Amino acid sequence: MTAVLGLVAVLLVAPRKVEGQDAAGPTGTDAIGSDEAPLPAAPPAPGGRLAKGPFTGRGWFELGATVLHAPRLPYGLKLTSAGLTGTFGLRPHRNFGAFTALTTWIGDAPLTEGVDEEGNPRAIQSPSPATAWEILGVRALLPLRRRLEPSVDLASGMVVERRSIGGRQVWGSMRASAALGVWVAPTLSLRFSFDYRLHARLHELRHYLGGSATLSIHF
């Protein structure tokens, strides 16, 4: 009799199989109350986009190469020169920034007035490295989708020529440029610009066209 009562008690306490539940155990909401820990949530799928926000970084530093071309200089001379450029800027707003820049070229205006063997005036070619310091510049930016960022620069400063003939000369300078930036990482971008430069000294004006390609680090 005792054995019969024990068997009945075991049958009443044993869990019953719920229809639709397989042998692998409870899943989903059936796991509530289970001693097993719930599975972690699946990680989000990578979007491949830049971090969202009003802008990326509050400042930038860029370094690159630049080319300068003067289609019309005194004495009918032309000039094409290459150099390096560096910029440090702050970006308090996603559409506005201020910067200072330093650019140096192998030669700026390699010409000096002289005379030939017959005493007639002529232009003498001479190496003239030049360095431009843009004391203050402003940059307007327009962030777009697809990691593109057009911008416009306007800057002013001074240029120092170191002529082998005629000594050192100092010019006032102004630069206006239009550029396209391409983001390659959340803090890295490439920038390609077309530049117009105006150098002024006393009553002489010089016009230059050029371009630059730079790598920008944003912080």
C-alpha atoms as a PDB file:
ATOM      1  CA  MET A   1       0.000   0.000   0.000  1.00  0.00           C
ATOM      2  CA  THR A   2       2.826   2.380   0.839  1.00  0.00           C
ATOM      3  CA  ALA A   3       4.474   1.655  -2.507  1.00  0.00           C
ATOM      4  CA  VAL A   4       1.249   2.510  -4.392  1.00  0.00           C
ATOM      5  CA  LEU A   5       0.870   5.856  -2.579  1.00  0.00           C
ATOM      6  CA  GLY A   6       4.509   6.749  -3.367  1.00  0.00           C
ATOM      7  CA  LEU A   7       4.013   6.032  -7.085  1.00  0.00           C
ATOM      8  CA  VAL A   8       0.894   8.265  -7.204  1.00  0.00           C
ATOM      9  CA  ALA A   9       2.791  11.111  -5.528  1.00  0.00           C
ATOM     10  CA  VAL A  10       5.644  10.883  -8.077  1.00  0.00           C
ATOM     11  CA  LEU A  11       3.185  11.028 -10.997  1.00  0.00           C
ATOM     12  CA  LEU A  12       1.469  14.133  -9.579  1.00  0.00           C
ATOM     13  CA  VAL A  13       4.725  16.050  -8.953  1.00  0.00           C
ATOM     14  CA  ALA A  14       6.473  15.168 -12.252  1.00  0.00           C
ATOM     15  CA  PRO A  15       6.305  18.012 -14.898  1.00  0.00           C
ATOM     16  CA  ARG A  16       4.069  17.446 -17.826  1.00  0.00           C
ATOM     17  CA  LYS A  17       5.227  17.920 -21.396  1.00  0.00           C
ATOM     18  CA  VAL A  18       3.607  20.913 -23.054  1.00  0.00           C
ATOM     19  CA  GLU A  19       2.445  20.414 -26.601  1.00  0.00           C
ATOM     20  CA  GLY A  20       4.786  22.127 -29.119  1.00  0.00           C
ATOM     21  CA  GLN A  21       7.806  22.031 -26.781  1.00  0.00           C
ATOM     22  CA  ASP A  22      10.684  19.940 -28.057  1.00  0.00           C
ATOM     23  CA  ALA A  23      13.261  18.038 -26.112  1.00  0.00           C
ATOM     24  CA  ALA A  24      15.778  20.872 -26.340  1.00  0.00           C
ATOM     25  CA  GLY A  25      14.073  22.688 -23.466  1.00  0.00           C
ATOM     26  CA  PRO A  26      12.195  25.959 -23.123  1.00  0.00           C
ATOM     27  CA  THR A  27      12.921  28.870 -25.420  1.00  0.00           C
ATOM     28  CA  GLY A  28      11.755  32.484 -25.603  1.00  0.00           C
ATOM     29  CA  THR A  29       9.154  33.256 -22.974  1.00  0.00           C
ATOM     30  CA  ASP A  30       9.161  29.575 -21.809  1.00  0.00           C
ATOM     31  CA  ALA A  31      12.584  30.294 -20.257  1.00  0.00           C
ATOM     32  CA  ILE A  32      11.046  32.611 -17.660  1.00  0.00           C
ATOM     33  CA  GLY A  33      11.519  31.065 -14.246  1.00  0.00           C
ATOM     34  CA  SER A  34      14.234  28.751 -15.566  1.00  0.00           C
ATOM     35  CA  ASP A  35      17.579  28.413 -13.829  1.00  0.00           C
ATOM     36  CA  GLU A  36      19.365  28.905 -17.183  1.00  0.00           C
ATOM     37  CA  ALA A  37      20.721  32.417 -17.999  1.00  0.00           C
ATOM     38  CA  PRO A  38      19.038  34.125 -21.009  1.00  0.00           C
ATOM     39  CA  LEU A  39      21.011  34.400 -24.247  1.00  0.00           C
ATOM     40  CA  PRO A  40      22.688  37.811 -24.878  1.00  0.00           C
ATOM     41  CA  ALA A  41      21.151  40.130 -27.469  1.00  0.00           C
ATOM     42  CA  ALA A  42      22.605  40.020 -30.986  1.00  0.00           C
ATOM     43  CA  PRO A  43      25.109  42.820 -31.743  1.00  0.00           C
ATOM     44  CA  PRO A  44      23.859  45.612 -34.060  1.00  0.00           C
ATOM     45  CA  ALA A  45      24.767  45.293 -37.713  1.00  0.00           C
ATOM     46  CA  PRO A  46      27.612  47.640 -38.714  1.00  0.00           C
ATOM     47  CA  GLY A  47      26.345  50.655 -40.627  1.00  0.00           C
ATOM     48  CA  GLY A  48      29.679  51.796 -42.137  1.00  0.00           C
ATOM     49  CA  ARG A  49      28.865  55.454 -41.475  1.00  0.00           C
ATOM     50  CA  LEU A  50      30.674  58.219 -39.656  1.00  0.00           C
ATOM     51  CA  ALA A  51      29.758  58.954 -36.079  1.00  0.00           C
ATOM     52  CA  LYS A  52      26.687  61.152 -35.939  1.00  0.00           C
ATOM     53  CA  GLY A  53      26.869  64.570 -34.343  1.00  0.00           C
ATOM     54  CA  PRO A  54      26.862  68.296 -35.087  1.00  0.00           C
ATOM     55  CA  PHE A  55      30.406  68.014 -36.457  1.00  0.00           C
ATOM     56  CA  THR A  56      33.402  65.723 -36.283  1.00  0.00           C
ATOM     57  CA  GLY A  57      36.051  67.278 -34.073  1.00  0.00           C
ATOM     58  CA  ARG A  58      36.572  70.788 -32.796  1.00  0.00           C
ATOM     59  CA  GLY A  59      39.831  71.348 -34.649  1.00  0.00           C
ATOM     60  CA  TRP A  60      42.074  70.057 -37.381  1.00  0.00           C
ATOM     61  CA  PHE A  61      45.648  69.870 -38.533  1.00  0.00           C
ATOM     62  CA  GLU A  62      46.469  69.295 -42.196  1.00  0.00           C
ATOM     63  CA  LEU A  63      49.656  68.773 -44.146  1.00  0.00           C
ATOM     64  CA  GLY A  64      50.123  68.348 -47.857  1.00  0.00           C
ATOM     65  CA  ALA A  65      51.621  69.435 -51.176  1.00  0.00           C
ATOM     66  CA  THR A  66      50.816  72.558 -53.157  1.00  0.00           C
ATOM     67  CA  VAL A  67      51.525  73.879 -56.645  1.00  0.00           C
ATOM     68  CA  LEU A  68      51.777  77.560 -57.585  1.00  0.00           C
ATOM     69  CA  HIS A  69      51.518  78.924 -61.129  1.00  0.00           C
ATOM     70  CA  ALA A  70      51.922  82.513 -62.288  1.00  0.00           C
ATOM     71  CA  PRO A  71      50.644  82.829 -65.876  1.00  0.00           C
ATOM     72  CA  ARG A  72      51.730  86.452 -66.232  1.00  0.00           C
ATOM     73  CA  LEU A  73      54.718  88.069 -64.536  1.00  0.00           C
ATOM     74  CA  PRO A  74      56.799  91.113 -65.484  1.00  0.00           C
ATOM     75  CA  TYR A  75      58.997  90.728 -68.545  1.00  0.00           C
ATOM     76  CA  GLY A  76      56.589  88.137 -69.936  1.00  0.00           C
ATOM     77  CA  LEU A  77      57.852  85.426 -67.608  1.00  0.00           C
ATOM     78  CA  LYS A  78      55.813  82.513 -66.290  1.00  0.00           C
ATOM     79  CA  LEU A  79      56.391  80.472 -63.156  1.00  0.00           C
ATOM     80  CA  THR A  80      55.385  77.068 -61.857  1.00  0.00           C
ATOM     81  CA  SER A  81      56.610  76.051 -58.411  1.00  0.00           C
ATOM     82  CA  ALA A  82      55.853  73.289 -55.914  1.00  0.00           C
ATOM     83  CA  GLY A  83      55.999  73.272 -52.129  1.00  0.00           C
ATOM     84  CA  LEU A  84      54.520  72.147 -48.832  1.00  0.00           C
ATOM     85  CA  THR A  85      51.658  73.555 -46.802  1.00  0.00           C
ATOM     86  CA  GLY A  86      50.439  73.093 -43.225  1.00  0.00           C
ATOM     87  CA  THR A  87      47.307  74.374 -41.496  1.00  0.00           C
ATOM     88  CA  PHE A  88      46.061  74.443 -37.919  1.00  0.00           C
ATOM     89  CA  GLY A  89      42.431  75.361 -37.343  1.00  0.00           C
ATOM     90  CA  LEU A  90      39.581  75.380 -34.859  1.00  0.00           C
ATOM     91  CA  ARG A  91      35.996  74.482 -35.715  1.00  0.00           C
ATOM     92  CA  PRO A  92      33.533  75.836 -33.160  1.00  0.00           C
ATOM     93  CA  HIS A  93      30.591  75.107 -35.475  1.00  0.00           C
ATOM     94  CA  ARG A  94      29.963  72.403 -38.062  1.00  0.00           C
ATOM     95  CA  ASN A  95      29.748  75.075 -40.805  1.00  0.00           C
ATOM     96  CA  PHE A  96      32.482  77.460 -39.699  1.00  0.00           C
ATOM     97  CA  GLY A  97      36.174  77.369 -38.777  1.00  0.00           C
ATOM     98  CA  ALA A  98      39.170  79.691 -38.342  1.00  0.00           C
ATOM     99  CA  PHE A  99      42.786  78.783 -39.070  1.00  0.00           C
ATOM    100  CA  THR A 100      46.371  79.870 -39.551  1.00  0.00           C
ATOM    101  CA  ALA A 101      48.588  78.367 -42.262  1.00  0.00           C
ATOM    102  CA  LEU A 102      52.204  78.214 -43.370  1.00  0.00           C
ATOM    103  CA  THR A 103      53.215  77.460 -46.970  1.00  0.00           C
ATOM    104  CA  THR A 104      56.641  77.365 -48.585  1.00  0.00           C
ATOM    105  CA  TRP A 105      57.615  77.069 -52.265  1.00  0.00           C
ATOM    106  CA  ILE A 106      60.857  76.267 -53.988  1.00  0.00           C
ATOM    107  CA  GLY A 107      60.600  79.489 -55.989  1.00  0.00           C
ATOM    108  CA  ASP A 108      58.064  82.296 -56.027  1.00  0.00           C
ATOM    109  CA  ALA A 109      59.222  84.902 -58.549  1.00  0.00           C
ATOM    110  CA  PRO A 110      62.657  84.051 -59.932  1.00  0.00           C
ATOM    111  CA  LEU A 111      63.312  87.277 -61.792  1.00  0.00           C
ATOM    112  CA  THR A 112      65.461  90.341 -61.277  1.00  0.00           C
ATOM    113  CA  GLU A 113      65.927  93.254 -63.634  1.00  0.00           C
ATOM    114  CA  GLY A 114      69.381  93.437 -65.172  1.00  0.00           C
ATOM    115  CA  VAL A 115      71.165  94.235 -68.409  1.00  0.00           C
ATOM    116  CA  ASP A 116      72.579  92.041 -71.144  1.00  0.00           C
ATOM    117  CA  GLU A 117      76.009  92.295 -72.778  1.00  0.00           C
ATOM    118  CA  GLU A 118      74.818  95.165 -74.959  1.00  0.00           C
ATOM    119  CA  GLY A 119      73.405  97.110 -72.028  1.00  0.00           C
ATOM    120  CA  ASN A 120      69.745  96.413 -72.780  1.00  0.00           C
ATOM    121  CA  PRO A 121      67.413  95.674 -69.815  1.00  0.00           C
ATOM    122  CA  ARG A 122      66.424  92.047 -69.411  1.00  0.00           C
ATOM    123  CA  ALA A 123      65.091  89.636 -66.809  1.00  0.00           C
ATOM    124  CA  ILE A 124      67.557  87.472 -64.933  1.00  0.00           C
ATOM    125  CA  GLN A 125      66.363  84.099 -63.646  1.00  0.00           C
ATOM    126  CA  SER A 126      67.384  83.468 -60.046  1.00  0.00           C
ATOM    127  CA  PRO A 127      66.181  80.970 -57.416  1.00  0.00           C
ATOM    128  CA  SER A 128      63.813  82.639 -54.967  1.00  0.00           C
ATOM    129  CA  PRO A 129      62.353  80.410 -52.236  1.00  0.00           C
ATOM    130  CA  ALA A 130      59.279  81.967 -50.660  1.00  0.00           C
ATOM    131  CA  THR A 131      57.277  81.381 -47.487  1.00  0.00           C
ATOM    132  CA  ALA A 132      53.701  82.529 -46.944  1.00  0.00           C
ATOM    133  CA  TRP A 133      52.199  82.932 -43.494  1.00  0.00           C
ATOM    134  CA  GLU A 134      48.434  83.244 -43.487  1.00  0.00           C
ATOM    135  CA  ILE A 135      47.942  84.947 -40.158  1.00  0.00           C
ATOM    136  CA  LEU A 136      44.180  84.551 -40.122  1.00  0.00           C
ATOM    137  CA  GLY A 137      41.822  82.630 -42.335  1.00  0.00           C
ATOM    138  CA  VAL A 138      38.175  81.578 -42.225  1.00  0.00           C
ATOM    139  CA  ARG A 139      36.658  78.416 -43.654  1.00  0.00           C
ATOM    140  CA  ALA A 140      32.998  77.845 -44.493  1.00  0.00           C
ATOM    141  CA  LEU A 141      31.995  74.167 -44.702  1.00  0.00           C
ATOM    142  CA  LEU A 142      28.952  72.341 -46.007  1.00  0.00           C
ATOM    143  CA  PRO A 143      28.842  68.719 -44.754  1.00  0.00           C
ATOM    144  CA  LEU A 144      27.001  66.431 -47.161  1.00  0.00           C
ATOM    145  CA  ARG A 145      26.099  62.765 -47.282  1.00  0.00           C
ATOM    146  CA  ARG A 146      28.423  60.174 -48.799  1.00  0.00           C
ATOM    147  CA  ARG A 147      31.289  61.588 -46.703  1.00  0.00           C
ATOM    148  CA  LEU A 148      31.727  64.683 -48.893  1.00  0.00           C
ATOM    149  CA  GLU A 149      32.394  68.139 -47.458  1.00  0.00           C
ATOM    150  CA  PRO A 150      32.818  71.145 -49.808  1.00  0.00           C
ATOM    151  CA  SER A 151      34.443  74.214 -48.285  1.00  0.00           C
ATOM    152  CA  VAL A 152      35.605  77.738 -49.108  1.00  0.00           C
ATOM    153  CA  ASP A 153      38.654  79.516 -47.620  1.00  0.00           C
ATOM    154  CA  LEU A 154      39.482  83.201 -47.358  1.00  0.00           C
ATOM    155  CA  ALA A 155      42.803  84.133 -45.737  1.00  0.00           C
ATOM    156  CA  SER A 156      45.306  86.984 -45.555  1.00  0.00           C
ATOM    157  CA  GLY A 157      48.861  87.366 -44.337  1.00  0.00           C
ATOM    158  CA  MET A 158      52.358  87.965 -45.678  1.00  0.00           C
ATOM    159  CA  VAL A 159      54.907  86.408 -48.030  1.00  0.00           C
ATOM    160  CA  VAL A 160      58.685  86.560 -47.621  1.00  0.00           C
ATOM    161  CA  GLU A 161      60.862  86.051 -50.703  1.00  0.00           C
ATOM    162  CA  ARG A 162      64.532  85.198 -50.272  1.00  0.00           C
ATOM    163  CA  ARG A 163      66.097  86.208 -53.559  1.00  0.00           C
ATOM    164  CA  SER A 164      69.643  85.317 -54.434  1.00  0.00           C
ATOM    165  CA  ILE A 165      69.797  88.650 -56.277  1.00  0.00           C
ATOM    166  CA  GLY A 166      68.137  91.624 -54.634  1.00  0.00           C
ATOM    167  CA  GLY A 167      67.885  90.295 -51.086  1.00  0.00           C
ATOM    168  CA  ARG A 168      64.723  89.668 -49.117  1.00  0.00           C
ATOM    169  CA  GLN A 169      61.338  91.120 -50.052  1.00  0.00           C
ATOM    170  CA  VAL A 170      58.113  91.118 -48.040  1.00  0.00           C
ATOM    171  CA  TRP A 171      54.695  91.098 -49.703  1.00  0.00           C
ATOM    172  CA  GLY A 172      51.148  91.280 -48.431  1.00  0.00           C
ATOM    173  CA  SER A 173      49.043  88.305 -49.495  1.00  0.00           C
ATOM    174  CA  MET A 174      45.452  87.197 -49.885  1.00  0.00           C
ATOM    175  CA  ARG A 175      44.158  83.735 -50.797  1.00  0.00           C
ATOM    176  CA  ALA A 176      40.728  82.491 -51.835  1.00  0.00           C
ATOM    177  CA  SER A 177      40.116  78.816 -52.503  1.00  0.00           C
ATOM    178  CA  ALA A 178      37.367  76.301 -53.138  1.00  0.00           C
ATOM    179  CA  ALA A 179      37.894  72.722 -51.992  1.00  0.00           C
ATOM    180  CA  LEU A 180      36.286  69.320 -51.663  1.00  0.00           C
ATOM    181  CA  GLY A 181      36.945  67.180 -48.598  1.00  0.00           C
ATOM    182  CA  VAL A 182      36.457  63.407 -48.544  1.00  0.00           C
ATOM    183  CA  TRP A 183      36.194  61.602 -45.181  1.00  0.00           C
ATOM    184  CA  VAL A 184      38.202  58.366 -45.121  1.00  0.00           C
ATOM    185  CA  ALA A 185      37.812  57.741 -41.358  1.00  0.00           C
ATOM    186  CA  PRO A 186      35.945  59.416 -38.468  1.00  0.00           C
ATOM    187  CA  THR A 187      39.013  61.601 -37.769  1.00  0.00           C
ATOM    188  CA  LEU A 188      40.786  61.610 -41.159  1.00  0.00           C
ATOM    189  CA  SER A 189      39.921  63.363 -44.399  1.00  0.00           C
ATOM    190  CA  LEU A 190      41.522  64.189 -47.739  1.00  0.00           C
ATOM    191  CA  ARG A 191      41.112  67.696 -49.132  1.00  0.00           C
ATOM    192  CA  PHE A 192      41.651  68.900 -52.700  1.00  0.00           C
ATOM    193  CA  SER A 193      41.562  72.648 -53.358  1.00  0.00           C
ATOM    194  CA  PHE A 194      41.852  75.167 -56.180  1.00  0.00           C
ATOM    195  CA  ASP A 195      43.566  78.368 -55.050  1.00  0.00           C
ATOM    196  CA  TYR A 196      43.835  81.971 -56.181  1.00  0.00           C
ATOM    197  CA  ARG A 197      46.552  84.113 -54.587  1.00  0.00           C
ATOM    198  CA  LEU A 198      47.236  87.819 -54.758  1.00  0.00           C
ATOM    199  CA  HIS A 199      50.593  89.223 -53.639  1.00  0.00           C
ATOM    200  CA  ALA A 200      50.997  92.988 -53.290  1.00  0.00           C
ATOM    201  CA  ARG A 201      54.051  95.138 -52.669  1.00  0.00           C
ATOM    202  CA  LEU A 202      54.227  98.918 -53.137  1.00  0.00           C
ATOM    203  CA  HIS A 203      52.617  99.427 -56.561  1.00  0.00           C
ATOM    204  CA  GLU A 204      53.112  95.878 -57.826  1.00  0.00           C
ATOM    205  CA  LEU A 205      50.481  93.154 -57.902  1.00  0.00           C
ATOM    206  CA  ARG A 206      51.047  89.512 -58.753  1.00  0.00           C
ATOM    207  CA  HIS A 207      48.326  86.971 -59.479  1.00  0.00           C
ATOM    208  CA  TYR A 208      48.803  83.255 -58.925  1.00  0.00           C
ATOM    209  CA  LEU A 209      46.726  80.161 -59.560  1.00  0.00           C
ATOM    210  CA  GLY A 210      47.378  76.838 -57.905  1.00  0.00           C
ATOM    211  CA  GLY A 211      46.084  73.828 -56.090  1.00  0.00           C
ATOM    212  CA  SER A 212      46.825  71.615 -53.138  1.00  0.00           C
ATOM    213  CA  ALA A 213      46.173  68.112 -51.835  1.00  0.00           C
ATOM    214  CA  THR A 214      46.261  67.659 -48.064  1.00  0.00           C
ATOM    215  CA  LEU A 215      45.586  65.065 -45.369  1.00  0.00           C
ATOM    216  CA  SER A 216      43.604  66.426 -42.412  1.00  0.00           C
ATOM    217  CA  ILE A 217      43.618  65.014 -38.876  1.00  0.00           C
ATOM    218  CA  HIS A 218      40.572  66.062 -36.814  1.00  0.00           C
ATOM    219  CA  PHE A 219      40.459  66.130 -33.033  1.00  0.00           C
END
